């Protein structure tokens, strides 16, 4: 399951998973476009992108910097227990 992290001014949405058994956190990014979404995924802490659709190399540079700079807080949130 992915949890919403933040939405940027251009409606780009970041979401994260709970911390996985291997210590990584799955991060997914979506940006609305005509008739769909641009999409990219990575795992923290490595931030190697996969399933990339619609984002340019410059976009991925920005996303990488954003995710890396927010990684400590994302990891903190990913470790919190969830109440359903």
PDB file of N, CA and C in Angstrom:
ATOM      1  N   UNK A   1       0.837  -1.170   0.000  1.00  0.00           N
ATOM      2  CA  UNK A   1       0.000   0.000   0.000  1.00  0.00           C
ATOM      3  C   UNK A   1       0.889   1.242   0.000  1.00  0.00           C
ATOM      4  N   UNK A   2       0.474   2.257  -0.720  1.00  0.00           N
ATOM      5  CA  UNK A   2       1.206   3.518  -0.772  1.00  0.00           C
ATOM      6  C   UNK A   2       0.423   4.601  -0.038  1.00  0.00           C
ATOM      7  N   UNK A   3       1.175   5.469   0.626  1.00  0.00           N
ATOM      8  CA  UNK A   3       0.603   6.566   1.389  1.00  0.00           C
ATOM      9  C   UNK A   3       1.004   7.878   0.729  1.00  0.00           C
ATOM     10  N   UNK A   4       0.090   8.833   0.681  1.00  0.00           N
ATOM     11  CA  UNK A   4       0.377  10.134   0.083  1.00  0.00           C
ATOM     12  C   UNK A   4       1.410  10.873   0.930  1.00  0.00           C
ATOM     13  N   UNK A   5       2.401  11.449   0.250  1.00  0.00           N
ATOM     14  CA  UNK A   5       3.420  12.225   0.954  1.00  0.00           C
ATOM     15  C   UNK A   5       3.220  13.724   0.737  1.00  0.00           C
ATOM     16  N   UNK A   6       3.253  14.157  -0.521  1.00  0.00           N
ATOM     17  CA  UNK A   6       3.128  15.581  -0.814  1.00  0.00           C
ATOM     18  C   UNK A   6       2.646  15.763  -2.252  1.00  0.00           C
ATOM     19  N   UNK A   7       1.996  16.907  -2.480  1.00  0.00           N
ATOM     20  CA  UNK A   7       1.594  17.295  -3.829  1.00  0.00           C
ATOM     21  C   UNK A   7       2.216  18.651  -4.122  1.00  0.00           C
ATOM     22  N   UNK A   8       2.922  18.756  -5.242  1.00  0.00           N
ATOM     23  CA  UNK A   8       3.575  20.006  -5.637  1.00  0.00           C
ATOM     24  C   UNK A   8       2.585  20.926  -6.344  1.00  0.00           C
ATOM     25  N   UNK A   9       2.999  22.159  -6.583  1.00  0.00           N
ATOM     26  CA  UNK A   9       2.131  23.154  -7.222  1.00  0.00           C
ATOM     27  C   UNK A   9       1.650  22.737  -8.604  1.00  0.00           C
ATOM     28  N   UNK A  10       2.455  21.923  -9.325  1.00  0.00           N
ATOM     29  CA  UNK A  10       2.037  21.469 -10.658  1.00  0.00           C
ATOM     30  C   UNK A  10       1.220  20.176 -10.593  1.00  0.00           C
ATOM     31  N   UNK A  11       0.766  19.816  -9.397  1.00  0.00           N
ATOM     32  CA  UNK A  11      -0.051  18.630  -9.124  1.00  0.00           C
ATOM     33  C   UNK A  11       0.726  17.316  -9.173  1.00  0.00           C
ATOM     34  N   UNK A  12       2.063  17.374  -9.224  1.00  0.00           N
ATOM     35  CA  UNK A  12       2.864  16.160  -9.107  1.00  0.00           C
ATOM     36  C   UNK A  12       2.671  15.612  -7.701  1.00  0.00           C
ATOM     37  N   UNK A  13       2.326  14.330  -7.613  1.00  0.00           N
ATOM     38  CA  UNK A  13       2.005  13.692  -6.343  1.00  0.00           C
ATOM     39  C   UNK A  13       3.068  12.647  -6.008  1.00  0.00           C
ATOM     40  N   UNK A  14       3.582  12.670  -4.776  1.00  0.00           N
ATOM     41  CA  UNK A  14       4.535  11.685  -4.281  1.00  0.00           C
ATOM     42  C   UNK A  14       3.842  10.789  -3.263  1.00  0.00           C
ATOM     43  N   UNK A  15       4.134   9.495  -3.336  1.00  0.00           N
ATOM     44  CA  UNK A  15       3.594   8.541  -2.372  1.00  0.00           C
ATOM     45  C   UNK A  15       4.705   7.580  -1.971  1.00  0.00           C
ATOM     46  N   UNK A  16       4.561   6.975  -0.793  1.00  0.00           N
ATOM     47  CA  UNK A  16       5.596   6.084  -0.274  1.00  0.00           C
ATOM     48  C   UNK A  16       4.943   4.863   0.367  1.00  0.00           C
ATOM     49  N   UNK A  17       5.719   3.799   0.486  1.00  0.00           N
ATOM     50  CA  UNK A  17       5.247   2.581   1.141  1.00  0.00           C
ATOM     51  C   UNK A  17       5.748   2.546   2.581  1.00  0.00           C
ATOM     52  N   UNK A  18       5.296   1.550   3.318  1.00  0.00           N
ATOM     53  CA  UNK A  18       5.908   1.258   4.609  1.00  0.00           C
ATOM     54  C   UNK A  18       7.309   0.724   4.331  1.00  0.00           C
ATOM     55  N   UNK A  19       8.166   0.767   5.328  1.00  0.00           N
ATOM     56  CA  UNK A  19       9.508   0.211   5.169  1.00  0.00           C
ATOM     57  C   UNK A  19       9.388  -1.293   4.920  1.00  0.00           C
ATOM     58  N   UNK A  20      10.063  -1.745   3.868  1.00  0.00           N
ATOM     59  CA  UNK A  20      10.005  -3.153   3.481  1.00  0.00           C
ATOM     60  C   UNK A  20      11.001  -3.962   4.305  1.00  0.00           C
ATOM     61  N   UNK A  21      10.884  -5.276   4.250  1.00  0.00           N
ATOM     62  CA  UNK A  21      11.755  -6.145   5.037  1.00  0.00           C
ATOM     63  C   UNK A  21      13.233  -5.918   4.744  1.00  0.00           C
ATOM     64  N   UNK A  22      13.559  -5.511   3.510  1.00  0.00           N
ATOM     65  CA  UNK A  22      14.968  -5.272   3.153  1.00  0.00           C
ATOM     66  C   UNK A  22      15.438  -3.862   3.521  1.00  0.00           C
ATOM     67  N   UNK A  23      14.588  -3.090   4.211  1.00  0.00           N
ATOM     68  CA  UNK A  23      14.955  -1.752   4.657  1.00  0.00           C
ATOM     69  C   UNK A  23      14.721  -0.657   3.644  1.00  0.00           C
ATOM     70  N   UNK A  24      14.173  -0.989   2.486  1.00  0.00           N
ATOM     71  CA  UNK A  24      13.906   0.011   1.459  1.00  0.00           C
ATOM     72  C   UNK A  24      12.483   0.542   1.584  1.00  0.00           C
ATOM     73  N   UNK A  25      12.249   1.672   0.959  1.00  0.00           N
ATOM     74  CA  UNK A  25      10.910   2.264   0.879  1.00  0.00           C
ATOM     75  C   UNK A  25      10.607   2.536  -0.593  1.00  0.00           C
ATOM     76  N   UNK A  26       9.471   2.076  -1.046  1.00  0.00           N
ATOM     77  CA  UNK A  26       9.016   2.285  -2.422  1.00  0.00           C
ATOM     78  C   UNK A  26       8.418   3.691  -2.524  1.00  0.00           C
ATOM     79  N   UNK A  27       8.856   4.447  -3.525  1.00  0.00           N
ATOM     80  CA  UNK A  27       8.331   5.791  -3.773  1.00  0.00           C
ATOM     81  C   UNK A  27       7.757   5.823  -5.187  1.00  0.00           C
ATOM     82  N   UNK A  28       6.552   6.336  -5.325  1.00  0.00           N
ATOM     83  CA  UNK A  28       5.909   6.484  -6.631  1.00  0.00           C
ATOM     84  C   UNK A  28       5.559   7.957  -6.836  1.00  0.00           C
ATOM     85  N   UNK A  29       5.724   8.416  -8.082  1.00  0.00           N
ATOM     86  CA  UNK A  29       5.454   9.803  -8.431  1.00  0.00           C
ATOM     87  C   UNK A  29       4.522   9.812  -9.637  1.00  0.00           C
ATOM     88  N   UNK A  30       3.477  10.635  -9.560  1.00  0.00           N
ATOM     89  CA  UNK A  30       2.558  10.807 -10.688  1.00  0.00           C
ATOM     90  C   UNK A  30       2.314  12.285 -10.921  1.00  0.00           C
ATOM     91  N   UNK A  31       2.165  12.618 -12.199  1.00  0.00           N
ATOM     92  CA  UNK A  31       1.839  13.987 -12.600  1.00  0.00           C
ATOM     93  C   UNK A  31       0.733  13.909 -13.629  1.00  0.00           C
ATOM     94  N   UNK A  32      -0.401  14.580 -13.400  1.00  0.00           N
ATOM     95  CA  UNK A  32      -1.488  14.515 -14.373  1.00  0.00           C
ATOM     96  C   UNK A  32      -1.132  15.202 -15.678  1.00  0.00           C
ATOM     97  N   UNK A  33      -1.512  14.577 -16.768  1.00  0.00           N
ATOM     98  CA  UNK A  33      -1.365  15.128 -18.117  1.00  0.00           C
ATOM     99  C   UNK A  33      -2.653  14.819 -18.859  1.00  0.00           C
ATOM    100  N   UNK A  34      -2.798  15.372 -20.056  1.00  0.00           N
ATOM    101  CA  UNK A  34      -4.001  15.097 -20.839  1.00  0.00           C
ATOM    102  C   UNK A  34      -4.213  13.589 -20.966  1.00  0.00           C
ATOM    103  N   UNK A  35      -5.372  13.140 -20.571  1.00  0.00           N
ATOM    104  CA  UNK A  35      -5.784  11.741 -20.729  1.00  0.00           C
ATOM    105  C   UNK A  35      -4.933  10.747 -19.940  1.00  0.00           C
ATOM    106  N   UNK A  36      -4.334  11.159 -18.810  1.00  0.00           N
ATOM    107  CA  UNK A  36      -3.585  10.194 -18.010  1.00  0.00           C
ATOM    108  C   UNK A  36      -2.594  10.837 -17.068  1.00  0.00           C
ATOM    109  N   UNK A  37      -1.514  10.108 -16.821  1.00  0.00           N
ATOM    110  CA  UNK A  37      -0.496  10.544 -15.872  1.00  0.00           C
ATOM    111  C   UNK A  37       0.896  10.210 -16.377  1.00  0.00           C
ATOM    112  N   UNK A  38       1.865  11.080 -16.077  1.00  0.00           N
ATOM    113  CA  UNK A  38       3.265  10.698 -16.143  1.00  0.00           C
ATOM    114  C   UNK A  38       3.527   9.937 -14.853  1.00  0.00           C
ATOM    115  N   UNK A  39       4.455   8.983 -14.892  1.00  0.00           N
ATOM    116  CA  UNK A  39       4.650   8.109 -13.744  1.00  0.00           C
ATOM    117  C   UNK A  39       6.119   7.700 -13.634  1.00  0.00           C
ATOM    118  N   UNK A  40       6.593   7.562 -12.405  1.00  0.00           N
ATOM    119  CA  UNK A  40       7.944   7.040 -12.148  1.00  0.00           C
ATOM    120  C   UNK A  40       7.970   6.436 -10.757  1.00  0.00           C
ATOM    121  N   UNK A  41       8.827   5.430 -10.575  1.00  0.00           N
ATOM    122  CA  UNK A  41       8.962   4.767  -9.283  1.00  0.00           C
ATOM    123  C   UNK A  41      10.436   4.584  -8.963  1.00  0.00           C
ATOM    124  N   UNK A  42      10.739   4.526  -7.672  1.00  0.00           N
ATOM    125  CA  UNK A  42      12.095   4.221  -7.217  1.00  0.00           C
ATOM    126  C   UNK A  42      12.007   3.607  -5.827  1.00  0.00           C
ATOM    127  N   UNK A  43      13.145   3.154  -5.340  1.00  0.00           N
ATOM    128  CA  UNK A  43      13.260   2.684  -3.968  1.00  0.00           C
ATOM    129  C   UNK A  43      14.297   3.532  -3.262  1.00  0.00           C
ATOM    130  N   UNK A  44      13.967   3.942  -2.049  1.00  0.00           N
ATOM    131  CA  UNK A  44      14.942   4.584  -1.187  1.00  0.00           C
ATOM    132  C   UNK A  44      15.703   3.486  -0.463  1.00  0.00           C
ATOM    133  N   UNK A  45      16.978   3.592  -0.274  1.00  0.00           N
ATOM    134  CA  UNK A  45      17.782   4.805  -0.395  1.00  0.00           C
ATOM    135  C   UNK A  45      18.470   4.994  -1.748  1.00  0.00           C
ATOM    136  N   UNK A  46      18.379   4.051  -2.681  1.00  0.00           N
ATOM    137  CA  UNK A  46      19.168   4.143  -3.912  1.00  0.00           C
ATOM    138  C   UNK A  46      18.665   5.176  -4.914  1.00  0.00           C
ATOM    139  N   UNK A  47      17.374   5.407  -5.002  1.00  0.00           N
ATOM    140  CA  UNK A  47      16.745   6.350  -5.935  1.00  0.00           C
ATOM    141  C   UNK A  47      17.161   6.057  -7.373  1.00  0.00           C
ATOM    142  N   UNK A  48      16.980   4.818  -7.777  1.00  0.00           N
ATOM    143  CA  UNK A  48      17.159   4.425  -9.179  1.00  0.00           C
ATOM    144  C   UNK A  48      15.752   4.266  -9.765  1.00  0.00           C
ATOM    145  N   UNK A  49      15.428   5.082 -10.757  1.00  0.00           N
ATOM    146  CA  UNK A  49      14.073   5.152 -11.289  1.00  0.00           C
ATOM    147  C   UNK A  49      13.768   3.978 -12.205  1.00  0.00           C
ATOM    148  N   UNK A  50      12.515   3.497 -12.153  1.00  0.00           N
ATOM    149  CA  UNK A  50      12.020   2.463 -13.051  1.00  0.00           C
ATOM    150  C   UNK A  50      10.546   2.754 -13.341  1.00  0.00           C
ATOM    151  N   UNK A  51       9.995   2.044 -14.314  1.00  0.00           N
ATOM    152  CA  UNK A  51       8.603   2.290 -14.750  1.00  0.00           C
ATOM    153  C   UNK A  51       8.370   3.774 -15.030  1.00  0.00           C
ATOM    154  N   UNK A  52       9.313   4.383 -15.736  1.00  0.00           N
ATOM    155  CA  UNK A  52       9.236   5.820 -16.031  1.00  0.00           C
ATOM    156  C   UNK A  52       8.457   6.023 -17.323  1.00  0.00           C
ATOM    157  N   UNK A  53       7.428   6.837 -17.245  1.00  0.00           N
ATOM    158  CA  UNK A  53       6.640   7.215 -18.423  1.00  0.00           C
ATOM    159  C   UNK A  53       6.354   8.696 -18.365  1.00  0.00           C
ATOM    160  N   UNK A  54       6.813   9.439 -19.366  1.00  0.00           N
ATOM    161  CA  UNK A  54       6.457  10.843 -19.514  1.00  0.00           C
ATOM    162  C   UNK A  54       7.405  11.840 -18.877  1.00  0.00           C
ATOM    163  N   UNK A  55       8.208  11.433 -17.917  1.00  0.00           N
ATOM    164  CA  UNK A  55       9.155  12.352 -17.292  1.00  0.00           C
ATOM    165  C   UNK A  55      10.436  12.433 -18.120  1.00  0.00           C
ATOM    166  N   UNK A  56      10.957  13.636 -18.301  1.00  0.00           N
ATOM    167  CA  UNK A  56      12.205  13.851 -19.036  1.00  0.00           C
ATOM    168  C   UNK A  56      13.403  13.609 -18.106  1.00  0.00           C
ATOM    169  N   UNK A  57      14.595  13.606 -18.677  1.00  0.00           N
ATOM    170  CA  UNK A  57      15.818  13.472 -17.870  1.00  0.00           C
ATOM    171  C   UNK A  57      15.925  14.626 -16.867  1.00  0.00           C
ATOM    172  N   UNK A  58      15.566  15.834 -17.285  1.00  0.00           N
ATOM    173  CA  UNK A  58      15.588  16.979 -16.365  1.00  0.00           C
ATOM    174  C   UNK A  58      14.567  16.797 -15.246  1.00  0.00           C
ATOM    175  N   UNK A  59      13.377  16.290 -15.597  1.00  0.00           N
ATOM    176  CA  UNK A  59      12.366  16.004 -14.576  1.00  0.00           C
ATOM    177  C   UNK A  59      12.901  15.007 -13.559  1.00  0.00           C
ATOM    178  N   UNK A  60      13.549  13.942 -14.052  1.00  0.00           N
ATOM    179  CA  UNK A  60      14.077  12.915 -13.154  1.00  0.00           C
ATOM    180  C   UNK A  60      15.191  13.464 -12.275  1.00  0.00           C
ATOM    181  N   UNK A  61      15.988  14.380 -12.790  1.00  0.00           N
ATOM    182  CA  UNK A  61      17.011  15.031 -11.961  1.00  0.00           C
ATOM    183  C   UNK A  61      16.349  15.775 -10.803  1.00  0.00           C
ATOM    184  N   UNK A  62      15.293  16.519 -11.111  1.00  0.00           N
ATOM    185  CA  UNK A  62      14.556  17.237 -10.064  1.00  0.00           C
ATOM    186  C   UNK A  62      13.939  16.257  -9.068  1.00  0.00           C
ATOM    187  N   UNK A  63      13.280  15.203  -9.576  1.00  0.00           N
ATOM    188  CA  UNK A  63      12.643  14.223  -8.695  1.00  0.00           C
ATOM    189  C   UNK A  63      13.677  13.547  -7.796  1.00  0.00           C
ATOM    190  N   UNK A  64      14.833  13.225  -8.358  1.00  0.00           N
ATOM    191  CA  UNK A  64      15.895  12.593  -7.571  1.00  0.00           C
ATOM    192  C   UNK A  64      16.330  13.501  -6.435  1.00  0.00           C
ATOM    193  N   UNK A  65      16.579  14.756  -6.739  1.00  0.00           N
ATOM    194  CA  UNK A  65      16.995  15.707  -5.703  1.00  0.00           C
ATOM    195  C   UNK A  65      15.900  15.875  -4.651  1.00  0.00           C
ATOM    196  N   UNK A  66      14.659  15.957  -5.088  1.00  0.00           N
ATOM    197  CA  UNK A  66      13.543  16.127  -4.152  1.00  0.00           C
ATOM    198  C   UNK A  66      13.431  14.914  -3.229  1.00  0.00           C
ATOM    199  N   UNK A  67      13.468  13.716  -3.802  1.00  0.00           N
ATOM    200  CA  UNK A  67      13.332  12.499  -2.997  1.00  0.00           C
ATOM    201  C   UNK A  67      14.517  12.354  -2.043  1.00  0.00           C
ATOM    202  N   UNK A  68      15.721  12.595  -2.526  1.00  0.00           N
ATOM    203  CA  UNK A  68      16.904  12.485  -1.648  1.00  0.00           C
ATOM    204  C   UNK A  68      16.839  13.477  -0.495  1.00  0.00           C
ATOM    205  N   UNK A  69      16.430  14.703  -0.778  1.00  0.00           N
ATOM    206  CA  UNK A  69      16.382  15.716   0.284  1.00  0.00           C
ATOM    207  C   UNK A  69      15.253  15.444   1.278  1.00  0.00           C
ATOM    208  N   UNK A  70      14.236  14.709   0.862  1.00  0.00           N
ATOM    209  CA  UNK A  70      13.120  14.367   1.743  1.00  0.00           C
ATOM    210  C   UNK A  70      13.226  12.962   2.333  1.00  0.00           C
ATOM    211  N   UNK A  71      14.268  12.225   1.968  1.00  0.00           N
ATOM    212  CA  UNK A  71      14.407  10.825   2.391  1.00  0.00           C
ATOM    213  C   UNK A  71      14.342  10.630   3.904  1.00  0.00           C
ATOM    214  N   UNK A  72      15.022  11.455   4.719  1.00  0.00           N
ATOM    215  CA  UNK A  72      14.935  11.207   6.170  1.00  0.00           C
ATOM    216  C   UNK A  72      13.495  11.247   6.690  1.00  0.00           C
ATOM    217  N   UNK A  73      12.715  12.212   6.225  1.00  0.00           N
ATOM    218  CA  UNK A  73      11.328  12.313   6.683  1.00  0.00           C
ATOM    219  C   UNK A  73      10.477  11.186   6.101  1.00  0.00           C
ATOM    220  N   UNK A  74      10.711  10.822   4.843  1.00  0.00           N
ATOM    221  CA  UNK A  74       9.957   9.709   4.240  1.00  0.00           C
ATOM    222  C   UNK A  74      10.233   8.424   5.005  1.00  0.00           C
ATOM    223  N   UNK A  75      11.500   8.160   5.337  1.00  0.00           N
ATOM    224  CA  UNK A  75      11.820   6.968   6.126  1.00  0.00           C
ATOM    225  C   UNK A  75      11.136   7.007   7.490  1.00  0.00           C
ATOM    226  N   UNK A  76      11.113   8.176   8.117  1.00  0.00           N
ATOM    227  CA  UNK A  76      10.444   8.307   9.414  1.00  0.00           C
ATOM    228  C   UNK A  76       8.954   7.976   9.292  1.00  0.00           C
ATOM    229  N   UNK A  77       8.309   8.517   8.281  1.00  0.00           N
ATOM    230  CA  UNK A  77       6.886   8.231   8.079  1.00  0.00           C
ATOM    231  C   UNK A  77       6.658   6.762   7.743  1.00  0.00           C
ATOM    232  N   UNK A  78       7.539   6.194   6.936  1.00  0.00           N
ATOM    233  CA  UNK A  78       7.383   4.797   6.519  1.00  0.00           C
ATOM    234  C   UNK A  78       7.500   3.835   7.695  1.00  0.00           C
ATOM    235  N   UNK A  79       8.206   4.241   8.741  1.00  0.00           N
ATOM    236  CA  UNK A  79       8.395   3.386   9.920  1.00  0.00           C
ATOM    237  C   UNK A  79       7.264   3.510  10.944  1.00  0.00           C
ATOM    238  N   UNK A  80       6.393   4.476  10.780  1.00  0.00           N
ATOM    239  CA  UNK A  80       5.312   4.691  11.764  1.00  0.00           C
ATOM    240  C   UNK A  80       4.262   3.595  11.642  1.00  0.00           C
ATOM    241  N   UNK A  81       3.769   3.143  12.786  1.00  0.00           N
ATOM    242  CA  UNK A  81       2.686   2.150  12.748  1.00  0.00           C
ATOM    243  C   UNK A  81       1.406   2.784  12.193  1.00  0.00           C
ATOM    244  N   UNK A  82       0.612   1.993  11.515  1.00  0.00           N
ATOM    245  CA  UNK A  82      -0.635   2.467  10.913  1.00  0.00           C
ATOM    246  C   UNK A  82      -1.829   1.924  11.691  1.00  0.00           C
ATOM    247  N   UNK A  83      -2.814   2.754  11.852  1.00  0.00           N
ATOM    248  CA  UNK A  83      -4.077   2.337  12.478  1.00  0.00           C
ATOM    249  C   UNK A  83      -5.151   2.318  11.400  1.00  0.00           C
ATOM    250  N   UNK A  84      -5.853   1.240  11.290  1.00  0.00           N
ATOM    251  CA  UNK A  84      -6.907   1.138  10.281  1.00  0.00           C
ATOM    252  C   UNK A  84      -8.253   1.143  10.908  1.00  0.00           C
TER     253      UNK A  84
END
